[in-house]
Amino acid sequence: MMRFMAELRPEEVWAKACIEAALGGVTAQPHDDGSKNAMHDLNLIRGGVVFGACEVTAAADQKAIETWNVANGDQERWIEDGLAGGCLLTLRPGCSIKTLRKEAPGLLRRLENDPHDTDATERLRRLGVMGTHQSGTSFPGSIYLTVERGREFTGGIVADTGDGLVEWFDSWVREPGQAHNIDKLTKSGLPETHLFVILPGFSSGPFTATDLLMRNNPPLPTVPPDLPGGLTHLWLMSAWNTGAIYHWSPGGWALFDKMTNTGG
């Protein structure tokens, strides 16, 4: 029976390039051909022998990402007649963008005429607008949308060790949504099982984790990760161009350079 290899997702292409660059002599080949359920993403091969399984996943704030994509996915500048514009609206994740686009322009016109219109402000709040800011713009009538992120995601103490990243991972990896990734690796039966975690722009990781992943020459953790049973190796990196890759193996923590993201 002929088997067809599934096309790698962009993040898998990126992870493959990073692994091969970091582990000299290792090739990461697609494994999930769709012939069975719950197959891991990549086989790790050295000297023609498959020695490891790798699963690539993202620690993403799905609600924030979905809101952003719906709000900005059409790539068309939002312009409303009769509005001075330059209005930046910060949205609550999960709010209805369709309703917002219908009702917000009239409320913003009211606020431009009377910044103290508390009824308009309250109605915007009920639509999911957490904050408004107006500034000069080259596009009269323009409205810009972004997504609210809590303080734990946007700022904090800049740590001098990488322990905050480990603390976050130890909790995140035991969330119910991650069980299927560990299960895929455990079922591989291979000596090494690698979990490759990418933290995107709208990550579920707090500042104490993402800050480390965006820094050049960041500090290493002083403690090992508390890996679930069956998991032997860990890779952690952000989706930003800056920063390094944190890698845990039984030999300890190491940092590797990121490869250029050519996966799309």
C-alpha atoms as a PDB file:
ATOM      1  CA  MET A   1       0.000   0.000   0.000  1.00  0.00           C
ATOM      2  CA  MET A   2       1.460   3.355  -1.018  1.00  0.00           C
ATOM      3  CA  ARG A   3       1.920   5.869   1.823  1.00  0.00           C
ATOM      4  CA  PHE A   4       1.878   9.622   1.343  1.00  0.00           C
ATOM      5  CA  MET A   5       3.790  11.929   3.669  1.00  0.00           C
ATOM      6  CA  ALA A   6       1.729  14.844   4.907  1.00  0.00           C
ATOM      7  CA  GLU A   7       3.084  18.279   4.091  1.00  0.00           C
ATOM      8  CA  LEU A   8       4.804  19.844   7.063  1.00  0.00           C
ATOM      9  CA  ARG A   9       3.126  22.767   8.763  1.00  0.00           C
ATOM     10  CA  PRO A  10       5.178  26.018   8.729  1.00  0.00           C
ATOM     11  CA  GLU A  11       6.115  25.644  12.394  1.00  0.00           C
ATOM     12  CA  GLU A  12       7.272  22.078  11.766  1.00  0.00           C
ATOM     13  CA  VAL A  13       9.499  23.250   8.901  1.00  0.00           C
ATOM     14  CA  TRP A  14      11.028  25.821  11.235  1.00  0.00           C
ATOM     15  CA  ALA A  15      11.517  23.326  14.074  1.00  0.00           C
ATOM     16  CA  LYS A  16      13.105  20.837  11.676  1.00  0.00           C
ATOM     17  CA  ALA A  17      15.660  23.430  10.523  1.00  0.00           C
ATOM     18  CA  CYS A  18      16.478  24.442  14.094  1.00  0.00           C
ATOM     19  CA  ILE A  19      16.941  20.868  15.293  1.00  0.00           C
ATOM     20  CA  GLU A  20      19.177  19.921  12.380  1.00  0.00           C
ATOM     21  CA  ALA A  21      21.343  23.005  12.889  1.00  0.00           C
ATOM     22  CA  ALA A  22      21.624  22.431  16.644  1.00  0.00           C
ATOM     23  CA  LEU A  23      22.280  18.687  16.562  1.00  0.00           C
ATOM     24  CA  GLY A  24      25.017  18.126  14.019  1.00  0.00           C
ATOM     25  CA  GLY A  25      24.567  14.949  12.005  1.00  0.00           C
ATOM     26  CA  VAL A  26      20.873  14.633  12.861  1.00  0.00           C
ATOM     27  CA  THR A  27      18.127  14.717  10.237  1.00  0.00           C
ATOM     28  CA  ALA A  28      14.511  15.487  11.168  1.00  0.00           C
ATOM     29  CA  GLN A  29      12.150  13.783   8.739  1.00  0.00           C
ATOM     30  CA  PRO A  30       8.329  13.941   8.537  1.00  0.00           C
ATOM     31  CA  HIS A  31       6.697  10.991  10.232  1.00  0.00           C
ATOM     32  CA  ASP A  32       2.970  11.719  10.275  1.00  0.00           C
ATOM     33  CA  ASP A  33       1.696  10.293   6.983  1.00  0.00           C
ATOM     34  CA  GLY A  34      -1.902  10.093   8.135  1.00  0.00           C
ATOM     35  CA  SER A  35      -1.955   6.306   8.071  1.00  0.00           C
ATOM     36  CA  LYS A  36      -2.762   6.136  11.793  1.00  0.00           C
ATOM     37  CA  ASN A  37      -4.186   8.405  14.455  1.00  0.00           C
ATOM     38  CA  ALA A  38      -1.946  10.225  16.916  1.00  0.00           C
ATOM     39  CA  MET A  39       1.332  10.017  15.004  1.00  0.00           C
ATOM     40  CA  HIS A  40       4.197  12.278  16.119  1.00  0.00           C
ATOM     41  CA  ASP A  41       5.412  14.962  13.722  1.00  0.00           C
ATOM     42  CA  LEU A  42       9.091  14.201  13.092  1.00  0.00           C
ATOM     43  CA  ASN A  43      11.495  11.286  13.274  1.00  0.00           C
ATOM     44  CA  LEU A  44      15.033  12.127  14.378  1.00  0.00           C
ATOM     45  CA  ILE A  45      17.642  10.159  12.451  1.00  0.00           C
ATOM     46  CA  ARG A  46      21.374   9.762  12.999  1.00  0.00           C
ATOM     47  CA  GLY A  47      23.527   7.503  10.856  1.00  0.00           C
ATOM     48  CA  GLY A  48      20.457   6.117   9.128  1.00  0.00           C
ATOM     49  CA  VAL A  49      18.888   5.026  12.433  1.00  0.00           C
ATOM     50  CA  VAL A  50      15.701   6.531  13.866  1.00  0.00           C
ATOM     51  CA  PHE A  51      16.533   7.287  17.491  1.00  0.00           C
ATOM     52  CA  GLY A  52      13.955   9.892  18.457  1.00  0.00           C
ATOM     53  CA  ALA A  53      10.429  11.222  18.041  1.00  0.00           C
ATOM     54  CA  CYS A  54       9.574  14.916  18.028  1.00  0.00           C
ATOM     55  CA  GLU A  55       6.237  16.655  18.426  1.00  0.00           C
ATOM     56  CA  VAL A  56       5.960  20.355  17.504  1.00  0.00           C
ATOM     57  CA  THR A  57       3.344  22.476  19.242  1.00  0.00           C
ATOM     58  CA  ALA A  58       2.529  26.083  20.108  1.00  0.00           C
ATOM     59  CA  ALA A  59       1.775  27.599  23.499  1.00  0.00           C
ATOM     60  CA  ALA A  60      -0.799  29.992  22.103  1.00  0.00           C
ATOM     61  CA  ASP A  61      -3.608  32.102  23.522  1.00  0.00           C
ATOM     62  CA  GLN A  62      -6.158  30.835  21.018  1.00  0.00           C
ATOM     63  CA  LYS A  63      -8.923  33.254  21.977  1.00  0.00           C
ATOM     64  CA  ALA A  64      -6.633  36.279  21.534  1.00  0.00           C
ATOM     65  CA  ILE A  65      -5.324  34.945  18.216  1.00  0.00           C
ATOM     66  CA  GLU A  66      -8.818  34.270  16.883  1.00  0.00           C
ATOM     67  CA  THR A  67      -9.960  37.763  17.878  1.00  0.00           C
ATOM     68  CA  TRP A  68      -6.926  39.341  16.214  1.00  0.00           C
ATOM     69  CA  ASN A  69      -7.367  37.316  13.022  1.00  0.00           C
ATOM     70  CA  VAL A  70     -11.046  38.203  12.693  1.00  0.00           C
ATOM     71  CA  ALA A  71     -10.371  41.856  13.505  1.00  0.00           C
ATOM     72  CA  ASN A  72      -7.426  42.310  11.144  1.00  0.00           C
ATOM     73  CA  GLY A  73      -7.500  39.353   8.784  1.00  0.00           C
ATOM     74  CA  ASP A  74      -8.983  41.134   5.779  1.00  0.00           C
ATOM     75  CA  GLN A  75      -5.902  43.420   5.595  1.00  0.00           C
ATOM     76  CA  GLU A  76      -8.107  46.342   4.545  1.00  0.00           C
ATOM     77  CA  ARG A  77      -7.757  49.621   6.366  1.00  0.00           C
ATOM     78  CA  TRP A  78     -10.935  50.374   8.318  1.00  0.00           C
ATOM     79  CA  ILE A  79     -12.073  53.862   7.272  1.00  0.00           C
ATOM     80  CA  GLU A  80     -15.340  55.487   8.374  1.00  0.00           C
ATOM     81  CA  ASP A  81     -16.766  58.682   6.863  1.00  0.00           C
ATOM     82  CA  GLY A  82     -17.490  61.480   9.301  1.00  0.00           C
ATOM     83  CA  LEU A  83     -14.834  60.308  11.746  1.00  0.00           C
ATOM     84  CA  ALA A  84     -11.571  62.159  12.357  1.00  0.00           C
ATOM     85  CA  GLY A  85      -9.938  58.818  12.947  1.00  0.00           C
ATOM     86  CA  GLY A  86      -6.679  57.649  14.314  1.00  0.00           C
ATOM     87  CA  CYS A  87      -8.754  55.632  16.811  1.00  0.00           C
ATOM     88  CA  LEU A  88      -7.050  52.635  18.426  1.00  0.00           C
ATOM     89  CA  LEU A  89      -9.462  50.241  20.124  1.00  0.00           C
ATOM     90  CA  THR A  90      -8.153  47.649  22.567  1.00  0.00           C
ATOM     91  CA  LEU A  91     -10.479  44.656  22.531  1.00  0.00           C
ATOM     92  CA  ARG A  92     -11.407  41.960  24.982  1.00  0.00           C
ATOM     93  CA  PRO A  93     -10.479  38.525  23.539  1.00  0.00           C
ATOM     94  CA  GLY A  94     -13.559  36.770  22.250  1.00  0.00           C
ATOM     95  CA  CYS A  95     -15.672  39.869  21.578  1.00  0.00           C
ATOM     96  CA  SER A  96     -17.918  39.980  18.498  1.00  0.00           C
ATOM     97  CA  ILE A  97     -16.034  41.801  15.740  1.00  0.00           C
ATOM     98  CA  LYS A  98     -19.096  41.776  13.472  1.00  0.00           C
ATOM     99  CA  THR A  99     -21.189  43.648  16.045  1.00  0.00           C
ATOM    100  CA  LEU A 100     -18.290  45.960  16.861  1.00  0.00           C
ATOM    101  CA  ARG A 101     -17.826  46.983  13.226  1.00  0.00           C
ATOM    102  CA  LYS A 102     -21.523  47.768  12.984  1.00  0.00           C
ATOM    103  CA  GLU A 103     -21.945  49.799  16.167  1.00  0.00           C
ATOM    104  CA  ALA A 104     -18.539  51.293  17.044  1.00  0.00           C
ATOM    105  CA  PRO A 105     -18.285  53.985  14.321  1.00  0.00           C
ATOM    106  CA  GLY A 106     -21.370  55.855  15.522  1.00  0.00           C
ATOM    107  CA  LEU A 107     -20.222  55.686  19.130  1.00  0.00           C
ATOM    108  CA  LEU A 108     -16.755  56.942  18.200  1.00  0.00           C
ATOM    109  CA  ARG A 109     -18.292  59.883  16.325  1.00  0.00           C
ATOM    110  CA  ARG A 110     -20.212  60.743  19.489  1.00  0.00           C
ATOM    111  CA  LEU A 111     -17.018  60.631  21.552  1.00  0.00           C
ATOM    112  CA  GLU A 112     -15.187  62.832  19.067  1.00  0.00           C
ATOM    113  CA  ASN A 113     -17.961  65.397  19.481  1.00  0.00           C
ATOM    114  CA  ASP A 114     -18.126  64.948  23.254  1.00  0.00           C
ATOM    115  CA  PRO A 115     -15.240  63.086  24.987  1.00  0.00           C
ATOM    116  CA  HIS A 116     -17.341  63.025  28.182  1.00  0.00           C
ATOM    117  CA  ASP A 117     -20.203  61.040  26.627  1.00  0.00           C
ATOM    118  CA  THR A 118     -20.329  58.316  29.294  1.00  0.00           C
ATOM    119  CA  ASP A 119     -23.180  56.459  27.579  1.00  0.00           C
ATOM    120  CA  ALA A 120     -21.105  56.003  24.411  1.00  0.00           C
ATOM    121  CA  THR A 121     -18.123  54.881  26.499  1.00  0.00           C
ATOM    122  CA  GLU A 122     -20.230  52.332  28.362  1.00  0.00           C
ATOM    123  CA  ARG A 123     -21.773  50.985  25.164  1.00  0.00           C
ATOM    124  CA  LEU A 124     -18.285  50.521  23.685  1.00  0.00           C
ATOM    125  CA  ARG A 125     -17.275  48.680  26.838  1.00  0.00           C
ATOM    126  CA  ARG A 126     -20.228  46.313  26.438  1.00  0.00           C
ATOM    127  CA  LEU A 127     -19.075  45.649  22.864  1.00  0.00           C
ATOM    128  CA  GLY A 128     -15.750  44.458  24.259  1.00  0.00           C
ATOM    129  CA  VAL A 129     -13.695  47.653  23.932  1.00  0.00           C
ATOM    130  CA  MET A 130     -11.362  47.770  26.930  1.00  0.00           C
ATOM    131  CA  GLY A 131      -9.725  51.049  25.978  1.00  0.00           C
ATOM    132  CA  THR A 132      -9.668  53.768  23.311  1.00  0.00           C
ATOM    133  CA  HIS A 133      -6.872  56.064  22.203  1.00  0.00           C
ATOM    134  CA  GLN A 134      -6.913  58.703  19.494  1.00  0.00           C
ATOM    135  CA  SER A 135      -3.870  60.227  17.838  1.00  0.00           C
ATOM    136  CA  GLY A 136      -2.920  61.946  14.613  1.00  0.00           C
ATOM    137  CA  THR A 137      -3.237  59.905  11.435  1.00  0.00           C
ATOM    138  CA  SER A 138      -2.526  60.213   7.731  1.00  0.00           C
ATOM    139  CA  PHE A 139      -5.770  58.318   7.076  1.00  0.00           C
ATOM    140  CA  PRO A 140      -8.826  60.332   8.206  1.00  0.00           C
ATOM    141  CA  GLY A 141     -11.591  58.112   9.529  1.00  0.00           C
ATOM    142  CA  SER A 142      -9.253  55.230  10.361  1.00  0.00           C
ATOM    143  CA  ILE A 143      -9.963  52.750  13.157  1.00  0.00           C
ATOM    144  CA  TYR A 144      -7.273  50.342  14.386  1.00  0.00           C
ATOM    145  CA  LEU A 145      -7.866  47.220  16.471  1.00  0.00           C
ATOM    146  CA  THR A 146      -5.626  45.420  18.910  1.00  0.00           C
ATOM    147  CA  VAL A 147      -6.262  42.801  21.615  1.00  0.00           C
ATOM    148  CA  GLU A 148      -6.056  43.323  25.357  1.00  0.00           C
ATOM    149  CA  ARG A 149      -3.271  41.478  27.150  1.00  0.00           C
ATOM    150  CA  GLY A 150      -3.066  41.345  30.935  1.00  0.00           C
ATOM    151  CA  ARG A 151      -0.137  42.788  32.831  1.00  0.00           C
ATOM    152  CA  GLU A 152       1.308  39.324  33.412  1.00  0.00           C
ATOM    153  CA  PHE A 153       1.829  39.063  29.638  1.00  0.00           C
ATOM    154  CA  THR A 154       3.208  42.525  28.930  1.00  0.00           C
ATOM    155  CA  GLY A 155       5.689  43.345  31.669  1.00  0.00           C
ATOM    156  CA  GLY A 156       7.454  42.356  34.843  1.00  0.00           C
ATOM    157  CA  ILE A 157      10.830  41.911  36.457  1.00  0.00           C
ATOM    158  CA  VAL A 158      13.688  41.122  34.068  1.00  0.00           C
ATOM    159  CA  ALA A 159      15.115  37.975  35.651  1.00  0.00           C
ATOM    160  CA  ASP A 160      18.791  37.060  35.909  1.00  0.00           C
ATOM    161  CA  THR A 161      18.095  33.313  35.607  1.00  0.00           C
ATOM    162  CA  GLY A 162      15.908  31.273  33.264  1.00  0.00           C
ATOM    163  CA  ASP A 163      13.934  29.710  36.106  1.00  0.00           C
ATOM    164  CA  GLY A 164      10.748  31.609  35.226  1.00  0.00           C
ATOM    165  CA  LEU A 165      10.599  29.786  31.908  1.00  0.00           C
ATOM    166  CA  VAL A 166      10.854  26.420  33.669  1.00  0.00           C
ATOM    167  CA  GLU A 167       8.194  27.363  36.221  1.00  0.00           C
ATOM    168  CA  TRP A 168       5.770  28.265  33.432  1.00  0.00           C
ATOM    169  CA  PHE A 169       6.527  25.137  31.386  1.00  0.00           C
ATOM    170  CA  ASP A 170       6.113  22.757  34.333  1.00  0.00           C
ATOM    171  CA  SER A 171       2.560  24.042  34.799  1.00  0.00           C
ATOM    172  CA  TRP A 172       1.632  24.450  31.118  1.00  0.00           C
ATOM    173  CA  VAL A 173       2.719  20.964  30.026  1.00  0.00           C
ATOM    174  CA  ARG A 174       0.320  19.404  32.539  1.00  0.00           C
ATOM    175  CA  GLU A 175      -2.725  21.245  31.246  1.00  0.00           C
ATOM    176  CA  PRO A 176      -5.318  18.844  29.776  1.00  0.00           C
ATOM    177  CA  GLY A 177      -4.775  20.252  26.280  1.00  0.00           C
ATOM    178  CA  GLN A 178      -1.175  19.024  26.192  1.00  0.00           C
ATOM    179  CA  ALA A 179      -1.857  15.389  27.080  1.00  0.00           C
ATOM    180  CA  HIS A 180      -2.251  14.328  23.441  1.00  0.00           C
ATOM    181  CA  ASN A 181       1.238  15.604  22.575  1.00  0.00           C
ATOM    182  CA  ILE A 182       2.847  13.608  25.374  1.00  0.00           C
ATOM    183  CA  ASP A 183       0.770  10.568  24.417  1.00  0.00           C
ATOM    184  CA  LYS A 184       2.018  10.691  20.802  1.00  0.00           C
ATOM    185  CA  LEU A 185       5.628  10.733  21.943  1.00  0.00           C
ATOM    186  CA  THR A 186       5.198   8.031  24.557  1.00  0.00           C
ATOM    187  CA  LYS A 187       3.584   5.691  22.039  1.00  0.00           C
ATOM    188  CA  SER A 188       6.524   6.057  19.632  1.00  0.00           C
ATOM    189  CA  GLY A 189       8.586   3.586  21.643  1.00  0.00           C
ATOM    190  CA  LEU A 190      11.788   5.409  20.641  1.00  0.00           C
ATOM    191  CA  PRO A 191      14.685   6.037  23.057  1.00  0.00           C
ATOM    192  CA  GLU A 192      14.403   9.822  22.819  1.00  0.00           C
ATOM    193  CA  THR A 193      11.175  11.832  22.859  1.00  0.00           C
ATOM    194  CA  HIS A 194      11.434  15.568  22.064  1.00  0.00           C
ATOM    195  CA  LEU A 195       8.750  18.186  22.649  1.00  0.00           C
ATOM    196  CA  PHE A 196       9.369  21.372  20.613  1.00  0.00           C
ATOM    197  CA  VAL A 197       7.307  24.288  21.957  1.00  0.00           C
ATOM    198  CA  ILE A 198       6.972  27.600  20.097  1.00  0.00           C
ATOM    199  CA  LEU A 199       5.564  30.642  21.915  1.00  0.00           C
ATOM    200  CA  PRO A 200       3.888  32.964  19.351  1.00  0.00           C
ATOM    201  CA  GLY A 201       3.134  36.667  19.653  1.00  0.00           C
ATOM    202  CA  PHE A 202      -0.142  35.953  21.466  1.00  0.00           C
ATOM    203  CA  SER A 203       1.315  33.358  23.773  1.00  0.00           C
ATOM    204  CA  SER A 204      -0.224  31.687  26.795  1.00  0.00           C
ATOM    205  CA  GLY A 205       3.125  32.170  28.522  1.00  0.00           C
ATOM    206  CA  PRO A 206       3.593  35.139  30.887  1.00  0.00           C
ATOM    207  CA  PHE A 207       6.266  37.820  30.599  1.00  0.00           C
ATOM    208  CA  THR A 208       8.536  35.825  32.901  1.00  0.00           C
ATOM    209  CA  ALA A 209       8.755  33.192  30.156  1.00  0.00           C
ATOM    210  CA  THR A 210       8.458  35.191  26.922  1.00  0.00           C
ATOM    211  CA  ASP A 211      10.979  37.830  27.983  1.00  0.00           C
ATOM    212  CA  LEU A 212      13.674  35.168  28.265  1.00  0.00           C
ATOM    213  CA  LEU A 213      12.814  33.733  24.861  1.00  0.00           C
ATOM    214  CA  MET A 214      13.069  37.124  23.158  1.00  0.00           C
ATOM    215  CA  ARG A 215      16.418  38.128  24.680  1.00  0.00           C
ATOM    216  CA  ASN A 216      19.764  37.673  22.981  1.00  0.00           C
ATOM    217  CA  ASN A 217      22.224  35.799  25.218  1.00  0.00           C
ATOM    218  CA  PRO A 218      19.611  35.043  27.893  1.00  0.00           C
ATOM    219  CA  PRO A 219      20.500  33.323  31.190  1.00  0.00           C
ATOM    220  CA  LEU A 220      20.111  29.589  31.588  1.00  0.00           C
ATOM    221  CA  PRO A 221      17.771  28.075  34.184  1.00  0.00           C
ATOM    222  CA  THR A 222      19.333  26.807  37.393  1.00  0.00           C
ATOM    223  CA  VAL A 223      16.769  23.989  37.722  1.00  0.00           C
ATOM    224  CA  PRO A 224      15.703  21.144  35.412  1.00  0.00           C
ATOM    225  CA  PRO A 225      12.193  20.948  33.957  1.00  0.00           C
ATOM    226  CA  ASP A 226       9.753  18.570  35.604  1.00  0.00           C
ATOM    227  CA  LEU A 227       9.122  16.506  32.484  1.00  0.00           C
ATOM    228  CA  PRO A 228       6.069  14.227  32.320  1.00  0.00           C
ATOM    229  CA  GLY A 229       6.874  10.530  32.238  1.00  0.00           C
ATOM    230  CA  GLY A 230       8.087   9.400  28.824  1.00  0.00           C
ATOM    231  CA  LEU A 231       9.438  12.805  27.766  1.00  0.00           C
ATOM    232  CA  THR A 232      13.246  13.041  27.553  1.00  0.00           C
ATOM    233  CA  HIS A 233      14.070  16.273  25.694  1.00  0.00           C
ATOM    234  CA  LEU A 234      12.604  19.771  25.491  1.00  0.00           C
ATOM    235  CA  TRP A 235      12.948  22.690  23.055  1.00  0.00           C
ATOM    236  CA  LEU A 236      11.553  26.155  23.794  1.00  0.00           C
ATOM    237  CA  MET A 237      11.634  29.233  21.562  1.00  0.00           C
ATOM    238  CA  SER A 238       9.562  32.281  20.686  1.00  0.00           C
ATOM    239  CA  ALA A 239       8.163  33.115  17.260  1.00  0.00           C
ATOM    240  CA  TRP A 240      10.045  36.444  17.258  1.00  0.00           C
ATOM    241  CA  ASN A 241      13.171  36.963  15.169  1.00  0.00           C
ATOM    242  CA  THR A 242      15.166  37.749  18.300  1.00  0.00           C
ATOM    243  CA  GLY A 243      16.158  35.362  21.053  1.00  0.00           C
ATOM    244  CA  ALA A 244      17.647  31.907  21.316  1.00  0.00           C
ATOM    245  CA  ILE A 245      16.383  28.342  21.652  1.00  0.00           C
ATOM    246  CA  TYR A 246      16.403  26.755  25.092  1.00  0.00           C
ATOM    247  CA  HIS A 247      17.135  23.026  24.927  1.00  0.00           C
ATOM    248  CA  TRP A 248      16.976  20.523  27.746  1.00  0.00           C
ATOM    249  CA  SER A 249      18.513  17.067  27.501  1.00  0.00           C
ATOM    250  CA  PRO A 250      19.643  14.623  30.208  1.00  0.00           C
ATOM    251  CA  GLY A 251      22.984  16.466  30.008  1.00  0.00           C
ATOM    252  CA  GLY A 252      21.397  19.750  31.132  1.00  0.00           C
ATOM    253  CA  TRP A 253      20.348  23.072  29.615  1.00  0.00           C
ATOM    254  CA  ALA A 254      21.906  24.559  26.481  1.00  0.00           C
ATOM    255  CA  LEU A 255      21.205  27.506  24.187  1.00  0.00           C
ATOM    256  CA  PHE A 256      21.139  27.299  20.394  1.00  0.00           C
ATOM    257  CA  ASP A 257      20.743  29.905  17.677  1.00  0.00           C
ATOM    258  CA  LYS A 258      17.472  30.147  15.797  1.00  0.00           C
ATOM    259  CA  MET A 259      17.420  29.440  12.104  1.00  0.00           C
ATOM    260  CA  THR A 260      15.632  31.759   9.710  1.00  0.00           C
ATOM    261  CA  ASN A 261      11.945  30.939   9.607  1.00  0.00           C
ATOM    262  CA  THR A 262      11.364  29.792   6.013  1.00  0.00           C
ATOM    263  CA  GLY A 263       8.212  27.846   6.818  1.00  0.00           C
ATOM    264  CA  GLY A 264       5.836  30.679   5.980  1.00  0.00           C
END
